[in-house]
PDB file of all heavy atoms in Angstrom:
ATOM      1  N   THR A   1      48.513 -24.112  30.889  1.00  0.00           N
ATOM      2  CA  THR A   1      48.047 -22.873  30.267  1.00  0.00           C
ATOM      3  C   THR A   1      48.789 -22.533  28.983  1.00  0.00           C
ATOM      4  O   THR A   1      48.388 -21.629  28.251  1.00  0.00           O
ATOM      5  CB  THR A   1      48.201 -21.689  31.240  1.00  0.00           C
ATOM      6  OG1 THR A   1      49.588 -21.502  31.536  1.00  0.00           O
ATOM      7  CG2 THR A   1      47.419 -21.930  32.522  1.00  0.00           C
ATOM      8  N   ALA A   2      49.885 -23.240  28.722  1.00  0.00           N
ATOM      9  CA  ALA A   2      50.677 -22.952  27.525  1.00  0.00           C
ATOM     10  C   ALA A   2      51.571 -24.145  27.226  1.00  0.00           C
ATOM     11  O   ALA A   2      51.790 -25.027  28.067  1.00  0.00           O
ATOM     12  CB  ALA A   2      51.526 -21.698  27.728  1.00  0.00           C
ATOM     13  N   LEU A   3      52.095 -24.172  26.000  1.00  0.00           N
ATOM     14  CA  LEU A   3      53.072 -25.187  25.618  1.00  0.00           C
ATOM     15  C   LEU A   3      54.402 -24.893  26.324  1.00  0.00           C
ATOM     16  O   LEU A   3      54.602 -23.804  26.870  1.00  0.00           O
ATOM     17  CB  LEU A   3      53.259 -25.168  24.102  1.00  0.00           C
ATOM     18  CG  LEU A   3      52.008 -25.527  23.280  1.00  0.00           C
ATOM     19  CD1 LEU A   3      52.282 -25.366  21.794  1.00  0.00           C
ATOM     20  CD2 LEU A   3      51.528 -26.939  23.589  1.00  0.00           C
ATOM     21  N   PRO A   4      55.334 -25.847  26.321  1.00  0.00           N
ATOM     22  CA  PRO A   4      56.607 -25.620  27.015  1.00  0.00           C
ATOM     23  C   PRO A   4      57.349 -24.371  26.555  1.00  0.00           C
ATOM     24  O   PRO A   4      58.094 -23.772  27.344  1.00  0.00           O
ATOM     25  CB  PRO A   4      57.405 -26.893  26.695  1.00  0.00           C
ATOM     26  CG  PRO A   4      56.362 -27.945  26.500  1.00  0.00           C
ATOM     27  CD  PRO A   4      55.226 -27.238  25.815  1.00  0.00           C
ATOM     28  N   ASP A   5      57.141 -23.938  25.307  1.00  0.00           N
ATOM     29  CA  ASP A   5      57.831 -22.742  24.814  1.00  0.00           C
ATOM     30  C   ASP A   5      57.084 -21.451  25.120  1.00  0.00           C
ATOM     31  O   ASP A   5      57.495 -20.371  24.710  1.00  0.00           O
ATOM     32  CB  ASP A   5      58.092 -22.848  23.309  1.00  0.00           C
ATOM     33  CG  ASP A   5      56.816 -22.914  22.478  1.00  0.00           C
ATOM     34  OD1 ASP A   5      55.712 -22.826  23.070  1.00  0.00           O
ATOM     35  OD2 ASP A   5      56.915 -23.051  21.243  1.00  0.00           O
ATOM     36  N   GLY A   6      55.927 -21.560  25.839  1.00  0.00           N
ATOM     37  CA  GLY A   6      55.192 -20.378  26.260  1.00  0.00           C
ATOM     38  C   GLY A   6      54.007 -20.013  25.392  1.00  0.00           C
ATOM     39  O   GLY A   6      53.209 -19.154  25.763  1.00  0.00           O
ATOM     40  N   ARG A   7      53.841 -20.637  24.242  1.00  0.00           N
ATOM     41  CA  ARG A   7      52.712 -20.306  23.372  1.00  0.00           C
ATOM     42  C   ARG A   7      51.404 -20.795  23.989  1.00  0.00           C
ATOM     43  O   ARG A   7      51.314 -21.927  24.447  1.00  0.00           O
ATOM     44  CB  ARG A   7      52.907 -20.922  21.995  1.00  0.00           C
ATOM     45  CG  ARG A   7      53.980 -20.250  21.144  1.00  0.00           C
ATOM     46  CD  ARG A   7      54.141 -20.981  19.831  1.00  0.00           C
ATOM     47  NE  ARG A   7      54.650 -22.336  20.029  1.00  0.00           N
ATOM     48  CZ  ARG A   7      54.439 -23.349  19.180  1.00  0.00           C
ATOM     49  NH1 ARG A   7      53.712 -23.147  18.097  1.00  0.00           N
ATOM     50  NH2 ARG A   7      54.952 -24.532  19.431  1.00  0.00           N
ATOM     51  N   SER A   8      50.371 -19.920  23.960  1.00  0.00           N
ATOM     52  CA  SER A   8      49.096 -20.267  24.606  1.00  0.00           C
ATOM     53  C   SER A   8      47.883 -20.025  23.714  1.00  0.00           C
ATOM     54  O   SER A   8      46.754 -20.092  24.193  1.00  0.00           O
ATOM     55  CB  SER A   8      48.939 -19.455  25.896  1.00  0.00           C
ATOM     56  OG  SER A   8      48.897 -18.068  25.622  1.00  0.00           O
ATOM     57  N   GLN A   9      48.067 -19.706  22.445  1.00  0.00           N
ATOM     58  CA  GLN A   9      46.940 -19.419  21.546  1.00  0.00           C
ATOM     59  C   GLN A   9      46.644 -20.631  20.654  1.00  0.00           C
ATOM     60  O   GLN A   9      47.491 -21.023  19.868  1.00  0.00           O
ATOM     61  CB  GLN A   9      47.259 -18.201  20.689  1.00  0.00           C
ATOM     62  CG  GLN A   9      47.504 -16.934  21.497  1.00  0.00           C
ATOM     63  CD  GLN A   9      47.954 -15.770  20.627  1.00  0.00           C
ATOM     64  OE1 GLN A   9      48.378 -15.940  19.496  1.00  0.00           O
ATOM     65  NE2 GLN A   9      47.887 -14.564  21.179  1.00  0.00           N
ATOM     66  N   TRP A  10      45.431 -21.239  20.728  1.00  0.00           N
ATOM     67  CA  TRP A  10      44.387 -20.926  21.710  1.00  0.00           C
ATOM     68  C   TRP A  10      44.014 -22.210  22.432  1.00  0.00           C
ATOM     69  O   TRP A  10      43.837 -23.256  21.796  1.00  0.00           O
ATOM     70  CB  TRP A  10      43.141 -20.345  21.042  1.00  0.00           C
ATOM     71  CG  TRP A  10      43.392 -19.100  20.259  1.00  0.00           C
ATOM     72  CD1 TRP A  10      43.529 -18.977  18.914  1.00  0.00           C
ATOM     73  CD2 TRP A  10      43.531 -17.778  20.801  1.00  0.00           C
ATOM     74  NE1 TRP A  10      43.730 -17.676  18.566  1.00  0.00           N
ATOM     75  CE2 TRP A  10      43.729 -16.911  19.712  1.00  0.00           C
ATOM     76  CE3 TRP A  10      43.486 -17.266  22.083  1.00  0.00           C
ATOM     77  CZ2 TRP A  10      43.899 -15.540  19.879  1.00  0.00           C
ATOM     78  CZ3 TRP A  10      43.652 -15.915  22.249  1.00  0.00           C
ATOM     79  CH2 TRP A  10      43.858 -15.067  21.160  1.00  0.00           C
ATOM     80  N   ILE A  11      43.870 -22.145  23.739  1.00  0.00           N
ATOM     81  CA  ILE A  11      43.450 -23.308  24.517  1.00  0.00           C
ATOM     82  C   ILE A  11      41.940 -23.468  24.474  1.00  0.00           C
ATOM     83  O   ILE A  11      41.417 -24.572  24.336  1.00  0.00           O
ATOM     84  CB  ILE A  11      43.957 -23.186  25.969  1.00  0.00           C
ATOM     85  CG1 ILE A  11      45.468 -23.431  26.013  1.00  0.00           C
ATOM     86  CG2 ILE A  11      43.242 -24.175  26.893  1.00  0.00           C
ATOM     87  CD1 ILE A  11      46.075 -23.305  27.376  1.00  0.00           C
ATOM     88  N   THR A  12      41.212 -22.362  24.570  1.00  0.00           N
ATOM     89  CA  THR A  12      39.746 -22.398  24.619  1.00  0.00           C
ATOM     90  C   THR A  12      39.136 -22.024  23.273  1.00  0.00           C
ATOM     91  O   THR A  12      39.812 -21.538  22.363  1.00  0.00           O
ATOM     92  CB  THR A  12      39.224 -21.441  25.697  1.00  0.00           C
ATOM     93  OG1 THR A  12      39.746 -20.130  25.437  1.00  0.00           O
ATOM     94  CG2 THR A  12      39.639 -21.893  27.084  1.00  0.00           C
ATOM     95  N   GLY A  13      37.816 -22.214  23.177  1.00  0.00           N
ATOM     96  CA  GLY A  13      37.086 -21.912  21.961  1.00  0.00           C
ATOM     97  C   GLY A  13      36.643 -20.466  21.884  1.00  0.00           C
ATOM     98  O   GLY A  13      36.890 -19.654  22.792  1.00  0.00           O
ATOM     99  N   ALA A  14      35.936 -20.138  20.795  1.00  0.00           N
ATOM    100  CA  ALA A  14      35.551 -18.753  20.511  1.00  0.00           C
ATOM    101  C   ALA A  14      34.628 -18.174  21.574  1.00  0.00           C
ATOM    102  O   ALA A  14      34.748 -17.000  21.942  1.00  0.00           O
ATOM    103  CB  ALA A  14      34.889 -18.677  19.137  1.00  0.00           C
ATOM    104  N   ALA A  15      33.672 -18.964  22.085  1.00  0.00           N
ATOM    105  CA  ALA A  15      32.719 -18.449  23.075  1.00  0.00           C
ATOM    106  C   ALA A  15      33.433 -18.031  24.354  1.00  0.00           C
ATOM    107  O   ALA A  15      33.133 -16.978  24.929  1.00  0.00           O
ATOM    108  CB  ALA A  15      31.646 -19.500  23.378  1.00  0.00           C
ATOM    109  N   ALA A  16      34.372 -18.836  24.819  1.00  0.00           N
ATOM    110  CA  ALA A  16      35.116 -18.500  26.036  1.00  0.00           C
ATOM    111  C   ALA A  16      35.999 -17.280  25.814  1.00  0.00           C
ATOM    112  O   ALA A  16      36.133 -16.425  26.692  1.00  0.00           O
ATOM    113  CB  ALA A  16      35.959 -19.695  26.485  1.00  0.00           C
ATOM    114  N   ARG A  17      36.589 -17.181  24.625  1.00  0.00           N
ATOM    115  CA  ARG A  17      37.467 -16.028  24.363  1.00  0.00           C
ATOM    116  C   ARG A  17      36.664 -14.729  24.304  1.00  0.00           C
ATOM    117  O   ARG A  17      37.112 -13.694  24.799  1.00  0.00           O
ATOM    118  CB  ARG A  17      38.244 -16.244  23.060  1.00  0.00           C
ATOM    119  CG  ARG A  17      39.212 -17.414  23.126  1.00  0.00           C
ATOM    120  CD  ARG A  17      40.287 -17.326  22.070  1.00  0.00           C
ATOM    121  NE  ARG A  17      39.759 -17.340  20.713  1.00  0.00           N
ATOM    122  CZ  ARG A  17      39.507 -18.435  20.009  1.00  0.00           C
ATOM    123  NH1 ARG A  17      39.703 -19.629  20.560  1.00  0.00           N
ATOM    124  NH2 ARG A  17      39.066 -18.352  18.771  1.00  0.00           N
ATOM    125  N   LEU A  18      35.466 -14.767  23.714  1.00  0.00           N
ATOM    126  CA  LEU A  18      34.621 -13.573  23.693  1.00  0.00           C
ATOM    127  C   LEU A  18      34.195 -13.198  25.108  1.00  0.00           C
ATOM    128  O   LEU A  18      34.183 -12.013  25.476  1.00  0.00           O
ATOM    129  CB  LEU A  18      33.391 -13.804  22.820  1.00  0.00           C
ATOM    130  CG  LEU A  18      32.381 -12.648  22.758  1.00  0.00           C
ATOM    131  CD1 LEU A  18      33.035 -11.370  22.246  1.00  0.00           C
ATOM    132  CD2 LEU A  18      31.182 -13.015  21.899  1.00  0.00           C
ATOM    133  N   ASP A  19      33.867 -14.196  25.910  1.00  0.00           N
ATOM    134  CA  ASP A  19      33.500 -13.927  27.301  1.00  0.00           C
ATOM    135  C   ASP A  19      34.664 -13.273  28.042  1.00  0.00           C
ATOM    136  O   ASP A  19      34.470 -12.359  28.849  1.00  0.00           O
ATOM    137  CB  ASP A  19      33.101 -15.232  27.995  1.00  0.00           C
ATOM    138  CG  ASP A  19      32.551 -15.000  29.390  1.00  0.00           C
ATOM    139  OD1 ASP A  19      31.417 -14.495  29.511  1.00  0.00           O
ATOM    140  OD2 ASP A  19      33.264 -15.299  30.372  1.00  0.00           O
ATOM    141  N   GLY A  20      35.871 -13.714  27.748  1.00  0.00           N
ATOM    142  CA  GLY A  20      37.039 -13.106  28.365  1.00  0.00           C
ATOM    143  C   GLY A  20      37.169 -11.634  28.028  1.00  0.00           C
ATOM    144  O   GLY A  20      37.578 -10.822  28.872  1.00  0.00           O
ATOM    145  N   HIS A  21      36.795 -11.262  26.799  1.00  0.00           N
ATOM    146  CA  HIS A  21      36.844  -9.851  26.410  1.00  0.00           C
ATOM    147  C   HIS A  21      35.797  -9.038  27.172  1.00  0.00           C
ATOM    148  O   HIS A  21      36.033  -7.859  27.482  1.00  0.00           O
ATOM    149  CB  HIS A  21      36.629  -9.714  24.903  1.00  0.00           C
ATOM    150  CG  HIS A  21      37.864 -10.005  24.105  1.00  0.00           C
ATOM    151  ND1 HIS A  21      38.848  -9.076  23.909  1.00  0.00           N
ATOM    152  CD2 HIS A  21      38.273 -11.140  23.483  1.00  0.00           C
ATOM    153  CE1 HIS A  21      39.809  -9.614  23.172  1.00  0.00           C
ATOM    154  NE2 HIS A  21      39.489 -10.870  22.908  1.00  0.00           N
ATOM    155  N   ARG A  22      34.660  -9.642  27.490  1.00  0.00           N
ATOM    156  CA  ARG A  22      33.649  -8.926  28.289  1.00  0.00           C
ATOM    157  C   ARG A  22      34.188  -8.614  29.682  1.00  0.00           C
ATOM    158  O   ARG A  22      33.891  -7.550  30.243  1.00  0.00           O
ATOM    159  CB  ARG A  22      32.370  -9.761  28.375  1.00  0.00           C
ATOM    160  CG  ARG A  22      31.658  -9.962  27.037  1.00  0.00           C
ATOM    161  CD  ARG A  22      30.277 -10.544  27.223  1.00  0.00           C
ATOM    162  NE  ARG A  22      29.594 -10.738  25.950  1.00  0.00           N
ATOM    163  CZ  ARG A  22      29.446 -11.910  25.345  1.00  0.00           C
ATOM    164  NH1 ARG A  22      29.925 -13.011  25.915  1.00  0.00           N
ATOM    165  NH2 ARG A  22      28.823 -11.998  24.187  1.00  0.00           N
ATOM    166  N   TRP A  23      34.980  -9.521  30.237  1.00  0.00           N
ATOM    167  CA  TRP A  23      35.578  -9.252  31.547  1.00  0.00           C
ATOM    168  C   TRP A  23      36.692  -8.226  31.436  1.00  0.00           C
ATOM    169  O   TRP A  23      36.876  -7.398  32.324  1.00  0.00           O
ATOM    170  CB  TRP A  23      36.081 -10.556  32.176  1.00  0.00           C
ATOM    171  CG  TRP A  23      34.963 -11.426  32.648  1.00  0.00           C
ATOM    172  CD1 TRP A  23      34.416 -12.498  32.005  1.00  0.00           C
ATOM    173  CD2 TRP A  23      34.219 -11.278  33.862  1.00  0.00           C
ATOM    174  NE1 TRP A  23      33.384 -13.027  32.729  1.00  0.00           N
ATOM    175  CE2 TRP A  23      33.235 -12.304  33.879  1.00  0.00           C
ATOM    176  CE3 TRP A  23      34.278 -10.391  34.928  1.00  0.00           C
ATOM    177  CZ2 TRP A  23      32.340 -12.451  34.929  1.00  0.00           C
ATOM    178  CZ3 TRP A  23      33.384 -10.536  35.979  1.00  0.00           C
ATOM    179  CH2 TRP A  23      32.431 -11.559  35.975  1.00  0.00           C
ATOM    180  N   ARG A  24      37.443  -8.276  30.349  1.00  0.00           N
ATOM    181  CA  ARG A  24      38.441  -7.230  30.123  1.00  0.00           C
ATOM    182  C   ARG A  24      37.799  -5.847  30.113  1.00  0.00           C
ATOM    183  O   ARG A  24      38.371  -4.876  30.620  1.00  0.00           O
ATOM    184  CB  ARG A  24      39.145  -7.451  28.780  1.00  0.00           C
ATOM    185  CG  ARG A  24      40.209  -8.511  28.727  1.00  0.00           C
ATOM    186  CD  ARG A  24      40.883  -8.475  27.355  1.00  0.00           C
ATOM    187  NE  ARG A  24      41.907  -9.499  27.202  1.00  0.00           N
ATOM    188  CZ  ARG A  24      42.688  -9.627  26.140  1.00  0.00           C
ATOM    189  NH1 ARG A  24      42.548  -8.775  25.126  1.00  0.00           N
ATOM    190  NH2 ARG A  24      43.590 -10.578  26.078  1.00  0.00           N
ATOM    191  N   ALA A  25      36.621  -5.758  29.504  1.00  0.00           N
ATOM    192  CA  ALA A  25      35.958  -4.460  29.333  1.00  0.00           C
ATOM    193  C   ALA A  25      35.654  -3.787  30.660  1.00  0.00           C
ATOM    194  O   ALA A  25      35.515  -2.559  30.724  1.00  0.00           O
ATOM    195  CB  ALA A  25      34.670  -4.636  28.527  1.00  0.00           C
ATOM    196  N   ARG A  26      35.534  -4.555  31.727  1.00  0.00           N
ATOM    197  CA  ARG A  26      35.213  -3.984  33.040  1.00  0.00           C
ATOM    198  C   ARG A  26      36.390  -3.252  33.672  1.00  0.00           C
ATOM    199  O   ARG A  26      36.212  -2.478  34.608  1.00  0.00           O
ATOM    200  CB  ARG A  26      34.756  -5.095  33.992  1.00  0.00           C
ATOM    201  CG  ARG A  26      33.453  -5.764  33.617  1.00  0.00           C
ATOM    202  CD  ARG A  26      33.146  -6.907  34.567  1.00  0.00           C
ATOM    203  NE  ARG A  26      33.110  -6.465  35.952  1.00  0.00           N
ATOM    204  CZ  ARG A  26      32.057  -6.595  36.757  1.00  0.00           C
ATOM    205  NH1 ARG A  26      30.940  -7.132  36.295  1.00  0.00           N
ATOM    206  NH2 ARG A  26      32.116  -6.190  37.999  1.00  0.00           N
TER     207      ARG A  26
END
């Protein structure tokens, strides 16, 4: 889920990230 130093931006593409925001909205 992240590089060894903790950075995780970005593993997935734009469509998945937007979908994640829709779930946040709930």
